[in-house]
C-alpha atoms as a PDB file:
ATOM      1  CA  MET A   1      81.372   4.466 -19.089  1.00  0.00           C
ATOM      2  CA  SER A   2      79.772   7.811 -18.579  1.00  0.00           C
ATOM      3  CA  GLU A   3      81.888  10.609 -17.129  1.00  0.00           C
ATOM      4  CA  VAL A   4      81.802  14.458 -16.093  1.00  0.00           C
ATOM      5  CA  TRP A   5      84.357  17.029 -15.818  1.00  0.00           C
ATOM      6  CA  VAL A   6      84.909  18.585 -12.371  1.00  0.00           C
ATOM      7  CA  PHE A   7      86.447  21.938 -11.694  1.00  0.00           C
ATOM      8  CA  HIS A   8      88.141  22.729  -8.392  1.00  0.00           C
ATOM      9  CA  GLY A   9      89.295  26.433  -8.150  1.00  0.00           C
ATOM     10  CA  ALA A  10      92.767  27.097  -6.794  1.00  0.00           C
ATOM     11  CA  GLY A  11      92.785  27.086  -2.969  1.00  0.00           C
ATOM     12  CA  SER A  12      89.072  25.780  -2.969  1.00  0.00           C
ATOM     13  CA  ARG A  13      87.914  22.968  -0.564  1.00  0.00           C
ATOM     14  CA  PHE A  14      84.843  22.502  -2.794  1.00  0.00           C
ATOM     15  CA  THR A  15      83.827  21.887  -6.435  1.00  0.00           C
ATOM     16  CA  SER A  16      82.869  25.042  -8.293  1.00  0.00           C
ATOM     17  CA  GLY A  17      81.367  23.292 -11.383  1.00  0.00           C
ATOM     18  CA  ILE A  18      80.693  19.841 -12.810  1.00  0.00           C
ATOM     19  CA  PHE A  19      80.267  19.674 -16.582  1.00  0.00           C
ATOM     20  CA  THR A  20      79.285  17.108 -19.254  1.00  0.00           C
ATOM     21  CA  SER A  21      81.967  17.805 -21.552  1.00  0.00           C
ATOM     22  CA  ARG A  22      85.644  19.376 -21.273  1.00  0.00           C
ATOM     23  CA  GLN A  23      84.673  22.042 -23.944  1.00  0.00           C
ATOM     24  CA  GLN A  24      81.714  23.149 -21.795  1.00  0.00           C
ATOM     25  CA  ALA A  25      84.015  23.282 -18.562  1.00  0.00           C
ATOM     26  CA  GLU A  26      86.609  25.310 -20.500  1.00  0.00           C
ATOM     27  CA  GLU A  27      84.085  27.947 -21.569  1.00  0.00           C
ATOM     28  CA  PHE A  28      83.282  28.473 -17.983  1.00  0.00           C
ATOM     29  CA  ILE A  29      87.083  28.538 -16.889  1.00  0.00           C
ATOM     30  CA  GLN A  30      87.707  31.028 -19.671  1.00  0.00           C
ATOM     31  CA  GLN A  31      84.687  33.179 -19.230  1.00  0.00           C
ATOM     32  CA  TYR A  32      85.725  33.834 -15.632  1.00  0.00           C
ATOM     33  CA  GLN A  33      89.531  33.570 -16.221  1.00  0.00           C
ATOM     34  CA  LEU A  34      89.639  30.885 -13.345  1.00  0.00           C
ATOM     35  CA  SER A  35      92.535  29.234 -12.033  1.00  0.00           C
ATOM     36  CA  GLY A  36      92.498  25.538 -10.795  1.00  0.00           C
ATOM     37  CA  ILE A  37      92.277  21.940 -11.950  1.00  0.00           C
ATOM     38  CA  LEU A  38      89.743  20.340 -14.520  1.00  0.00           C
ATOM     39  CA  THR A  39      89.325  16.591 -13.910  1.00  0.00           C
ATOM     40  CA  LYS A  40      87.635  13.874 -15.601  1.00  0.00           C
ATOM     41  CA  TYR A  41      85.493  11.482 -13.174  1.00  0.00           C
ATOM     42  CA  PRO A  42      83.687   8.359 -14.057  1.00  0.00           C
ATOM     43  CA  LEU A  43      80.036   8.364 -13.037  1.00  0.00           C
ATOM     44  CA  GLY A  44      78.725   5.828 -10.523  1.00  0.00           C
ATOM     45  CA  ILE A  45      82.178   4.632  -9.011  1.00  0.00           C
ATOM     46  CA  SER A  46      84.492   6.498  -6.764  1.00  0.00           C
ATOM     47  CA  ALA A  47      87.972   7.408  -7.901  1.00  0.00           C
ATOM     48  CA  TYR A  48      89.364   4.809  -5.299  1.00  0.00           C
ATOM     49  CA  ASP A  49      87.340   1.920  -6.657  1.00  0.00           C
ATOM     50  CA  TRP A  50      87.971   2.985 -10.304  1.00  0.00           C
ATOM     51  CA  ALA A  51      91.601   3.139  -9.886  1.00  0.00           C
ATOM     52  CA  GLN A  52      91.574  -0.406  -8.478  1.00  0.00           C
ATOM     53  CA  GLN A  53      89.315  -1.524 -11.467  1.00  0.00           C
ATOM     54  CA  GLU A  54      91.582  -0.166 -14.078  1.00  0.00           C
ATOM     55  CA  GLY A  55      94.732  -1.588 -12.266  1.00  0.00           C
ATOM     56  CA  ILE A  56      96.188   1.750 -11.493  1.00  0.00           C
ATOM     57  CA  PHE A  57      96.192   1.493  -7.701  1.00  0.00           C
ATOM     58  CA  GLN A  58      95.998  -1.572  -5.337  1.00  0.00           C
ATOM     59  CA  PRO A  59      95.792  -0.843  -1.591  1.00  0.00           C
ATOM     60  CA  THR A  60      99.086  -2.568   0.145  1.00  0.00           C
ATOM     61  CA  LYS A  61      99.012  -0.798   3.481  1.00  0.00           C
ATOM     62  CA  PRO A  62      96.498  -0.983   6.228  1.00  0.00           C
ATOM     63  CA  GLU A  63      96.045   2.691   6.087  1.00  0.00           C
ATOM     64  CA  GLN A  64      94.930   2.600   2.398  1.00  0.00           C
ATOM     65  CA  TYR A  65      91.751   0.826   3.665  1.00  0.00           C
ATOM     66  CA  THR A  66      90.817   3.483   6.067  1.00  0.00           C
ATOM     67  CA  THR A  67      87.955   5.843   5.660  1.00  0.00           C
ATOM     68  CA  GLY A  68      90.295   8.942   5.725  1.00  0.00           C
ATOM     69  CA  PHE A  69      92.493   7.646   2.978  1.00  0.00           C
ATOM     70  CA  ILE A  70      89.457   6.589   0.718  1.00  0.00           C
ATOM     71  CA  GLN A  71      87.671   9.891   1.206  1.00  0.00           C
ATOM     72  CA  ARG A  72      90.558  11.771   0.058  1.00  0.00           C
ATOM     73  CA  PHE A  73      91.826   9.500  -2.773  1.00  0.00           C
ATOM     74  CA  THR A  74      92.704  11.050  -6.030  1.00  0.00           C
ATOM     75  CA  SER A  75      94.564   9.430  -8.900  1.00  0.00           C
ATOM     76  CA  ALA A  76      97.120  11.380 -11.155  1.00  0.00           C
ATOM     77  CA  SER A  77      96.150   8.822 -13.801  1.00  0.00           C
ATOM     78  CA  GLN A  78      92.683  10.533 -14.231  1.00  0.00           C
ATOM     79  CA  GLU A  79      92.735  12.885 -17.276  1.00  0.00           C
ATOM     80  CA  HIS A  80      93.092  16.453 -15.804  1.00  0.00           C
ATOM     81  CA  TYR A  81      94.182  19.859 -16.715  1.00  0.00           C
ATOM     82  CA  HIS A  82      95.685  22.968 -14.912  1.00  0.00           C
ATOM     83  CA  TYR A  83      94.490  26.359 -15.453  1.00  0.00           C
ATOM     84  CA  GLU A  84      95.868  29.812 -14.606  1.00  0.00           C
ATOM     85  CA  ASP A  85      93.800  32.902 -15.287  1.00  0.00           C
ATOM     86  CA  GLY A  86      91.637  30.919 -17.711  1.00  0.00           C
ATOM     87  CA  LYS A  87      94.455  29.480 -19.757  1.00  0.00           C
ATOM     88  CA  CYS A  88      95.396  25.867 -19.869  1.00  0.00           C
ATOM     89  CA  ASP A  89      98.945  25.072 -18.655  1.00  0.00           C
ATOM     90  CA  ALA A  90      99.140  21.906 -20.884  1.00  0.00           C
END
């Protein structure tokens, strides 16, 4: 499955960069000494559908089928890294 790396800066509502490799993303993060989260996302499928497909999440409550829930859905099972001032906290 194809994937991308998405960087969300600390306190940001929107993505500040999408990259084809973790290395490319980390170069950007380190260059500007950024803080935030770098997450790997599969292409062509939502995080909500991907988590169900992988058996990581199954909706069990009515609210988990709502648009509000689906549009905010993320999974801690997605590979992700935290950065502070350009350095990975891993």
